[in-house]
Amino acid sequence: MNKVLLCETCLNELKADKSASKVLDRKNRGGLIKPSNDVISLCKIAEKVIRSYQGICQNNVVNKMTLIAMTRISIERYFQNISCHILDQEPINNHLLQLIKLISNFYISLRLHHINSSTNEIDVKIRSYYTKLILFKHQ
């Protein structure tokens, strides 16, 4: 997200000082960035969209799921700390809409990539199991 977002106030809203998850505290060794509560709730909405529309086999699946997630989000509930910052921008092209769309798009593409890679895995990889006998199997 740091490469895409150029606004420092919007970047600071994505991070939190304390994490709400004990698992995140346990796994953190100093390199993880703790997400804010707004980012977590937006990811939960995107996860519900992914689970409900997992059978979509069309073009631009990520964009369609992002659009569905955007319709389920009430914008005034999220990132209330940057309300003064939003007033400085255009109404259609403000940072709040861009931030919500970017978070949901990033999460949906990441989850779909994970789902796709986990379904495409081969159960038993013969090449790694039989390293010396692979010449006889012609693989």
N, C-alpha and C. Protein backbone atom coordinates (compact mmCIF):
# COMPACT_ATOMS: atom_id res chain seq x y z
N MET A 1 0.81 -1.19 0.00
CA MET A 1 0.00 0.00 0.00
C MET A 1 0.86 1.27 0.00
N ASN A 2 2.06 1.16 0.56
CA ASN A 2 2.93 2.33 0.63
C ASN A 2 3.34 2.81 -0.76
N LYS A 3 3.42 1.90 -1.72
CA LYS A 3 3.83 2.29 -3.07
C LYS A 3 2.69 2.96 -3.83
N VAL A 4 1.45 2.62 -3.49
CA VAL A 4 0.31 3.16 -4.23
C VAL A 4 -0.16 4.47 -3.63
N LEU A 5 -0.25 4.52 -2.31
CA LEU A 5 -0.74 5.73 -1.65
C LEU A 5 0.41 6.72 -1.45
N LEU A 6 0.17 7.95 -1.82
CA LEU A 6 1.18 8.98 -1.67
C LEU A 6 0.86 9.96 -0.55
N CYS A 7 -0.35 9.92 -0.05
CA CYS A 7 -0.79 10.84 0.99
C CYS A 7 -0.41 10.28 2.37
N GLU A 8 0.34 11.05 3.14
CA GLU A 8 0.82 10.59 4.44
C GLU A 8 -0.31 10.47 5.46
N THR A 9 -1.29 11.35 5.41
CA THR A 9 -2.39 11.26 6.37
C THR A 9 -3.23 10.01 6.13
N CYS A 10 -3.41 9.64 4.89
CA CYS A 10 -4.16 8.41 4.57
C CYS A 10 -3.36 7.17 4.95
N LEU A 11 -2.05 7.21 4.77
CA LEU A 11 -1.21 6.08 5.16
C LEU A 11 -1.21 5.88 6.66
N ASN A 12 -1.23 6.97 7.41
CA ASN A 12 -1.24 6.85 8.86
C ASN A 12 -2.56 6.30 9.39
N GLU A 13 -3.64 6.46 8.64
CA GLU A 13 -4.93 5.92 9.07
C GLU A 13 -5.01 4.41 8.90
N LEU A 14 -4.17 3.85 8.07
CA LEU A 14 -4.18 2.40 7.86
C LEU A 14 -3.50 1.66 9.00
N LYS A 15 -2.64 2.33 9.73
CA LYS A 15 -1.86 1.69 10.78
C LYS A 15 -2.48 1.98 12.15
N ALA A 16 -2.27 1.04 13.07
CA ALA A 16 -2.72 1.21 14.45
C ALA A 16 -1.53 1.02 15.38
N ASP A 17 -1.64 1.62 16.56
CA ASP A 17 -0.57 1.47 17.54
C ASP A 17 -0.64 0.11 18.23
N LYS A 18 -1.85 -0.29 18.59
CA LYS A 18 -2.05 -1.58 19.26
C LYS A 18 -2.88 -2.47 18.36
N SER A 19 -2.60 -3.76 18.42
CA SER A 19 -3.39 -4.70 17.62
C SER A 19 -4.48 -5.30 18.49
N ALA A 20 -5.60 -5.61 17.86
CA ALA A 20 -6.72 -6.21 18.58
C ALA A 20 -6.61 -7.72 18.62
N SER A 21 -5.69 -8.28 17.90
CA SER A 21 -5.56 -9.72 17.79
C SER A 21 -4.37 -10.22 18.61
N LYS A 22 -4.60 -11.24 19.40
CA LYS A 22 -3.51 -11.84 20.17
C LYS A 22 -2.62 -12.69 19.28
N VAL A 23 -3.19 -13.23 18.21
CA VAL A 23 -2.39 -14.01 17.27
C VAL A 23 -1.38 -13.12 16.56
N LEU A 24 -1.80 -11.92 16.22
CA LEU A 24 -0.90 -10.97 15.56
C LEU A 24 0.23 -10.56 16.50
N ASP A 25 -0.08 -10.39 17.78
CA ASP A 25 0.97 -10.07 18.74
C ASP A 25 1.96 -11.21 18.91
N ARG A 26 1.46 -12.43 18.87
CA ARG A 26 2.34 -13.59 19.03
C ARG A 26 3.24 -13.78 17.81
N LYS A 27 2.70 -13.58 16.61
CA LYS A 27 3.46 -13.80 15.39
C LYS A 27 4.39 -12.64 15.05
N ASN A 28 4.14 -11.49 15.63
CA ASN A 28 4.92 -10.31 15.29
C ASN A 28 6.31 -10.40 15.92
N ARG A 29 7.30 -10.22 15.09
CA ARG A 29 8.68 -10.17 15.57
C ARG A 29 9.29 -8.81 15.25
N GLY A 30 8.45 -7.83 15.04
CA GLY A 30 8.92 -6.49 14.78
C GLY A 30 8.73 -6.01 13.36
N GLY A 31 8.35 -6.88 12.44
CA GLY A 31 8.25 -6.49 11.04
C GLY A 31 6.83 -6.27 10.55
N LEU A 32 5.84 -6.74 11.30
CA LEU A 32 4.46 -6.60 10.85
C LEU A 32 3.92 -5.22 11.16
N ILE A 33 3.10 -4.72 10.26
CA ILE A 33 2.41 -3.45 10.48
C ILE A 33 1.02 -3.78 10.98
N LYS A 34 0.64 -3.20 12.09
CA LYS A 34 -0.65 -3.52 12.70
C LYS A 34 -1.75 -2.72 12.00
N PRO A 35 -2.78 -3.40 11.50
CA PRO A 35 -3.85 -2.69 10.79
C PRO A 35 -4.81 -2.01 11.76
N SER A 36 -5.45 -0.96 11.29
CA SER A 36 -6.45 -0.28 12.11
C SER A 36 -7.75 -1.08 12.09
N ASN A 37 -8.66 -0.72 12.98
CA ASN A 37 -9.94 -1.43 13.06
C ASN A 37 -10.77 -1.25 11.79
N ASP A 38 -10.63 -0.10 11.14
CA ASP A 38 -11.36 0.13 9.89
C ASP A 38 -10.87 -0.80 8.78
N VAL A 39 -9.58 -1.02 8.71
CA VAL A 39 -9.02 -1.92 7.70
C VAL A 39 -9.49 -3.35 7.95
N ILE A 40 -9.53 -3.75 9.21
CA ILE A 40 -9.98 -5.10 9.56
C ILE A 40 -11.44 -5.29 9.19
N SER A 41 -12.28 -4.31 9.48
CA SER A 41 -13.70 -4.45 9.16
C SER A 41 -13.94 -4.43 7.65
N LEU A 42 -13.17 -3.65 6.90
CA LEU A 42 -13.30 -3.66 5.44
C LEU A 42 -12.86 -5.01 4.86
N CYS A 43 -11.84 -5.60 5.44
CA CYS A 43 -11.40 -6.93 4.97
C CYS A 43 -12.42 -8.00 5.31
N LYS A 44 -13.12 -7.85 6.43
CA LYS A 44 -14.17 -8.82 6.77
C LYS A 44 -15.33 -8.74 5.79
N ILE A 45 -15.68 -7.53 5.37
CA ILE A 45 -16.75 -7.38 4.38
C ILE A 45 -16.31 -7.98 3.05
N ALA A 46 -15.07 -7.74 2.67
CA ALA A 46 -14.56 -8.32 1.42
C ALA A 46 -14.51 -9.84 1.50
N GLU A 47 -14.21 -10.38 2.66
CA GLU A 47 -14.19 -11.84 2.82
C GLU A 47 -15.59 -12.43 2.68
N LYS A 48 -16.60 -11.73 3.19
CA LYS A 48 -17.98 -12.20 3.02
C LYS A 48 -18.38 -12.20 1.55
N VAL A 49 -17.94 -11.20 0.82
CA VAL A 49 -18.24 -11.13 -0.62
C VAL A 49 -17.55 -12.28 -1.35
N ILE A 50 -16.32 -12.57 -0.99
CA ILE A 50 -15.59 -13.66 -1.64
C ILE A 50 -16.28 -14.99 -1.38
N ARG A 51 -16.70 -15.22 -0.15
CA ARG A 51 -17.34 -16.50 0.18
C ARG A 51 -18.71 -16.64 -0.46
N SER A 52 -19.42 -15.54 -0.63
CA SER A 52 -20.76 -15.64 -1.22
C SER A 52 -20.72 -15.72 -2.74
N TYR A 53 -19.71 -15.15 -3.37
CA TYR A 53 -19.62 -15.14 -4.84
C TYR A 53 -18.40 -15.91 -5.32
N GLN A 54 -18.11 -17.04 -4.71
CA GLN A 54 -16.92 -17.79 -5.08
C GLN A 54 -17.07 -18.53 -6.40
N GLY A 55 -18.29 -18.73 -6.86
CA GLY A 55 -18.52 -19.47 -8.09
C GLY A 55 -18.55 -18.62 -9.34
N ILE A 56 -18.17 -17.37 -9.27
CA ILE A 56 -18.18 -16.49 -10.44
C ILE A 56 -17.08 -16.92 -11.40
N CYS A 57 -17.45 -17.19 -12.64
CA CYS A 57 -16.48 -17.58 -13.67
C CYS A 57 -16.60 -16.63 -14.85
N GLN A 58 -16.34 -15.37 -14.63
CA GLN A 58 -16.44 -14.36 -15.67
C GLN A 58 -15.13 -13.59 -15.74
N ASN A 59 -15.08 -12.64 -16.63
CA ASN A 59 -13.92 -11.77 -16.73
C ASN A 59 -13.99 -10.72 -15.64
N ASN A 60 -12.84 -10.21 -15.25
CA ASN A 60 -12.72 -9.13 -14.27
C ASN A 60 -13.41 -9.48 -12.95
N VAL A 61 -13.11 -10.65 -12.41
CA VAL A 61 -13.74 -11.11 -11.18
C VAL A 61 -13.36 -10.21 -10.01
N VAL A 62 -12.12 -9.78 -9.96
CA VAL A 62 -11.67 -8.94 -8.85
C VAL A 62 -12.40 -7.61 -8.86
N ASN A 63 -12.56 -7.01 -10.03
CA ASN A 63 -13.26 -5.73 -10.12
C ASN A 63 -14.74 -5.87 -9.77
N LYS A 64 -15.36 -6.97 -10.19
CA LYS A 64 -16.77 -7.18 -9.87
C LYS A 64 -16.98 -7.41 -8.39
N MET A 65 -16.09 -8.18 -7.77
CA MET A 65 -16.20 -8.40 -6.33
C MET A 65 -15.90 -7.14 -5.54
N THR A 66 -14.99 -6.32 -6.03
CA THR A 66 -14.71 -5.04 -5.39
C THR A 66 -15.93 -4.13 -5.47
N LEU A 67 -16.60 -4.12 -6.61
CA LEU A 67 -17.80 -3.31 -6.77
C LEU A 67 -18.91 -3.79 -5.84
N ILE A 68 -19.07 -5.10 -5.70
CA ILE A 68 -20.08 -5.64 -4.79
C ILE A 68 -19.74 -5.28 -3.35
N ALA A 69 -18.46 -5.36 -3.00
CA ALA A 69 -18.04 -4.99 -1.65
C ALA A 69 -18.26 -3.50 -1.39
N MET A 70 -18.04 -2.67 -2.40
CA MET A 70 -18.25 -1.23 -2.23
C MET A 70 -19.72 -0.90 -2.01
N THR A 71 -20.63 -1.69 -2.60
CA THR A 71 -22.05 -1.43 -2.39
C THR A 71 -22.49 -1.84 -0.99
N ARG A 72 -21.78 -2.76 -0.37
CA ARG A 72 -22.14 -3.21 0.98
C ARG A 72 -21.55 -2.35 2.08
N ILE A 73 -20.70 -1.42 1.73
CA ILE A 73 -20.01 -0.59 2.71
C ILE A 73 -20.72 0.74 2.86
N SER A 74 -21.00 1.13 4.10
CA SER A 74 -21.49 2.49 4.35
C SER A 74 -20.27 3.36 4.65
N ILE A 75 -20.01 4.29 3.78
CA ILE A 75 -18.75 5.03 3.76
C ILE A 75 -18.57 5.91 5.00
N GLU A 76 -19.64 6.43 5.55
CA GLU A 76 -19.51 7.36 6.67
C GLU A 76 -19.03 6.70 7.95
N ARG A 77 -19.02 5.37 8.02
CA ARG A 77 -18.57 4.67 9.23
C ARG A 77 -17.06 4.50 9.29
N TYR A 78 -16.37 4.64 8.18
CA TYR A 78 -14.95 4.30 8.12
C TYR A 78 -14.09 5.55 8.00
N PHE A 79 -12.94 5.48 8.64
CA PHE A 79 -11.91 6.52 8.60
C PHE A 79 -12.48 7.90 8.94
N GLN A 80 -13.08 7.99 10.10
CA GLN A 80 -13.69 9.25 10.53
C GLN A 80 -12.64 10.27 10.97
N ASN A 81 -11.43 9.84 11.21
CA ASN A 81 -10.38 10.76 11.63
C ASN A 81 -9.87 11.64 10.49
N ILE A 82 -10.10 11.24 9.26
CA ILE A 82 -9.62 12.04 8.13
C ILE A 82 -10.75 12.84 7.48
N SER A 83 -11.79 13.13 8.24
CA SER A 83 -12.92 13.88 7.66
C SER A 83 -12.51 15.29 7.26
N CYS A 84 -11.63 15.93 8.01
CA CYS A 84 -11.15 17.26 7.62
C CYS A 84 -10.26 17.19 6.38
N HIS A 85 -9.53 16.12 6.26
CA HIS A 85 -8.66 15.94 5.09
C HIS A 85 -9.48 15.71 3.83
N ILE A 86 -10.62 15.07 3.98
CA ILE A 86 -11.48 14.77 2.82
C ILE A 86 -12.13 16.03 2.28
N LEU A 87 -12.39 16.99 3.15
CA LEU A 87 -13.05 18.22 2.71
C LEU A 87 -12.18 19.04 1.76
N ASP A 88 -10.90 18.78 1.73
CA ASP A 88 -10.00 19.52 0.84
C ASP A 88 -10.00 18.99 -0.59
N GLN A 89 -10.62 17.82 -0.83
CA GLN A 89 -10.60 17.22 -2.16
C GLN A 89 -11.94 17.34 -2.85
N GLU A 90 -11.95 16.87 -4.11
CA GLU A 90 -13.18 16.86 -4.89
C GLU A 90 -14.14 15.81 -4.34
N PRO A 91 -15.45 16.01 -4.48
CA PRO A 91 -16.40 15.06 -3.91
C PRO A 91 -16.37 13.68 -4.55
N ILE A 92 -16.14 13.61 -5.84
CA ILE A 92 -16.15 12.32 -6.52
C ILE A 92 -14.81 11.62 -6.38
N ASN A 93 -13.75 12.37 -6.35
CA ASN A 93 -12.40 11.80 -6.37
C ASN A 93 -11.69 12.05 -5.05
N ASN A 94 -12.36 11.77 -3.93
CA ASN A 94 -11.70 12.01 -2.65
C ASN A 94 -10.90 10.79 -2.20
N HIS A 95 -10.08 11.00 -1.21
CA HIS A 95 -9.18 9.94 -0.76
C HIS A 95 -9.91 8.83 -0.01
N LEU A 96 -11.05 9.12 0.58
CA LEU A 96 -11.79 8.10 1.32
C LEU A 96 -12.29 7.00 0.39
N LEU A 97 -12.88 7.39 -0.73
CA LEU A 97 -13.34 6.40 -1.70
C LEU A 97 -12.17 5.62 -2.30
N GLN A 98 -11.10 6.31 -2.60
CA GLN A 98 -9.93 5.63 -3.15
C GLN A 98 -9.32 4.67 -2.14
N LEU A 99 -9.31 5.05 -0.88
CA LEU A 99 -8.74 4.22 0.17
C LEU A 99 -9.56 2.95 0.39
N ILE A 100 -10.88 3.09 0.44
CA ILE A 100 -11.75 1.93 0.64
C ILE A 100 -11.68 1.00 -0.56
N LYS A 101 -11.68 1.55 -1.75
CA LYS A 101 -11.60 0.72 -2.96
C LYS A 101 -10.25 0.02 -3.05
N LEU A 102 -9.19 0.69 -2.69
CA LEU A 102 -7.86 0.10 -2.74
C LEU A 102 -7.71 -1.04 -1.74
N ILE A 103 -8.24 -0.87 -0.53
CA ILE A 103 -8.15 -1.92 0.49
C ILE A 103 -8.94 -3.14 0.06
N SER A 104 -10.17 -2.93 -0.39
CA SER A 104 -10.99 -4.08 -0.79
C SER A 104 -10.43 -4.76 -2.04
N ASN A 105 -9.94 -4.00 -2.99
CA ASN A 105 -9.36 -4.58 -4.21
C ASN A 105 -8.10 -5.38 -3.89
N PHE A 106 -7.26 -4.85 -3.04
CA PHE A 106 -6.03 -5.53 -2.66
C PHE A 106 -6.33 -6.82 -1.90
N TYR A 107 -7.28 -6.78 -0.97
CA TYR A 107 -7.61 -7.97 -0.19
C TYR A 107 -8.26 -9.04 -1.06
N ILE A 108 -9.16 -8.64 -1.94
CA ILE A 108 -9.85 -9.61 -2.80
C ILE A 108 -8.87 -10.27 -3.76
N SER A 109 -7.98 -9.50 -4.35
CA SER A 109 -7.01 -10.10 -5.27
C SER A 109 -6.05 -11.03 -4.53
N LEU A 110 -5.67 -10.66 -3.32
CA LEU A 110 -4.79 -11.51 -2.52
C LEU A 110 -5.47 -12.82 -2.13
N ARG A 111 -6.72 -12.75 -1.70
CA ARG A 111 -7.45 -13.95 -1.30
C ARG A 111 -7.76 -14.86 -2.49
N LEU A 112 -8.13 -14.27 -3.62
CA LEU A 112 -8.40 -15.09 -4.80
C LEU A 112 -7.13 -15.78 -5.31
N HIS A 113 -6.01 -15.10 -5.20
CA HIS A 113 -4.75 -15.73 -5.57
C HIS A 113 -4.44 -16.90 -4.65
N HIS A 114 -4.70 -16.74 -3.35
CA HIS A 114 -4.47 -17.83 -2.40
C HIS A 114 -5.42 -19.00 -2.65
N ILE A 115 -6.68 -18.71 -2.91
CA ILE A 115 -7.66 -19.77 -3.20
C ILE A 115 -7.27 -20.52 -4.46
N ASN A 116 -6.85 -19.78 -5.48
CA ASN A 116 -6.46 -20.40 -6.74
C ASN A 116 -5.21 -21.26 -6.58
N SER A 117 -4.24 -20.78 -5.85
CA SER A 117 -3.02 -21.57 -5.68
C SER A 117 -3.25 -22.79 -4.81
N SER A 118 -4.16 -22.72 -3.85
CA SER A 118 -4.42 -23.89 -3.01
C SER A 118 -5.25 -24.94 -3.74
N THR A 119 -6.11 -24.53 -4.67
CA THR A 119 -6.89 -25.52 -5.41
C THR A 119 -6.09 -26.15 -6.54
N ASN A 120 -5.07 -25.48 -7.01
CA ASN A 120 -4.27 -26.02 -8.11
C ASN A 120 -3.11 -26.89 -7.65
N GLU A 121 -2.95 -27.06 -6.34
CA GLU A 121 -1.85 -27.88 -5.86
C GLU A 121 -2.07 -29.34 -6.21
N ILE A 122 -1.00 -30.00 -6.53
CA ILE A 122 -1.05 -31.44 -6.79
C ILE A 122 -0.91 -32.15 -5.45
N ASP A 123 -1.70 -33.21 -5.24
CA ASP A 123 -1.69 -33.90 -3.96
C ASP A 123 -0.33 -34.52 -3.64
N VAL A 124 0.14 -35.35 -4.51
CA VAL A 124 1.43 -36.00 -4.29
C VAL A 124 2.33 -35.64 -5.46
N LYS A 125 3.40 -34.97 -5.17
CA LYS A 125 4.34 -34.62 -6.21
C LYS A 125 5.36 -35.75 -6.33
N ILE A 126 5.28 -36.45 -7.44
CA ILE A 126 6.12 -37.62 -7.63
C ILE A 126 7.58 -37.22 -7.82
N ARG A 127 7.79 -36.06 -8.43
CA ARG A 127 9.16 -35.63 -8.71
C ARG A 127 9.95 -35.40 -7.42
N SER A 128 9.34 -34.81 -6.43
CA SER A 128 10.06 -34.58 -5.18
C SER A 128 10.11 -35.82 -4.30
N TYR A 129 9.18 -36.73 -4.47
CA TYR A 129 9.14 -37.93 -3.64
C TYR A 129 10.16 -38.96 -4.12
N TYR A 130 10.20 -39.17 -5.43
CA TYR A 130 11.14 -40.13 -6.01
C TYR A 130 12.18 -39.37 -6.83
N THR A 131 13.17 -38.83 -6.19
CA THR A 131 14.14 -38.03 -6.92
C THR A 131 15.05 -38.88 -7.80
N LYS A 132 15.39 -40.05 -7.35
CA LYS A 132 16.31 -40.89 -8.13
C LYS A 132 15.58 -41.73 -9.18
N LEU A 133 14.34 -42.06 -8.94
CA LEU A 133 13.60 -42.93 -9.86
C LEU A 133 12.80 -42.15 -10.89
N ILE A 134 12.95 -40.85 -10.93
CA ILE A 134 12.13 -40.02 -11.80
C ILE A 134 12.40 -40.27 -13.27
N LEU A 135 13.58 -40.72 -13.59
CA LEU A 135 13.90 -40.98 -14.99
C LEU A 135 13.08 -42.13 -15.55
N PHE A 136 12.70 -43.06 -14.71
CA PHE A 136 11.90 -44.18 -15.17
C PHE A 136 10.43 -43.82 -15.32
N LYS A 137 9.99 -42.77 -14.63
CA LYS A 137 8.60 -42.33 -14.73
C LYS A 137 8.40 -41.34 -15.88
N HIS A 138 9.48 -40.77 -16.40
CA HIS A 138 9.46 -39.78 -17.49
C HIS A 138 8.67 -38.53 -17.10
N GLN A 139 8.99 -37.97 -15.95
CA GLN A 139 8.30 -36.74 -15.53
C GLN A 139 9.30 -35.62 -15.37
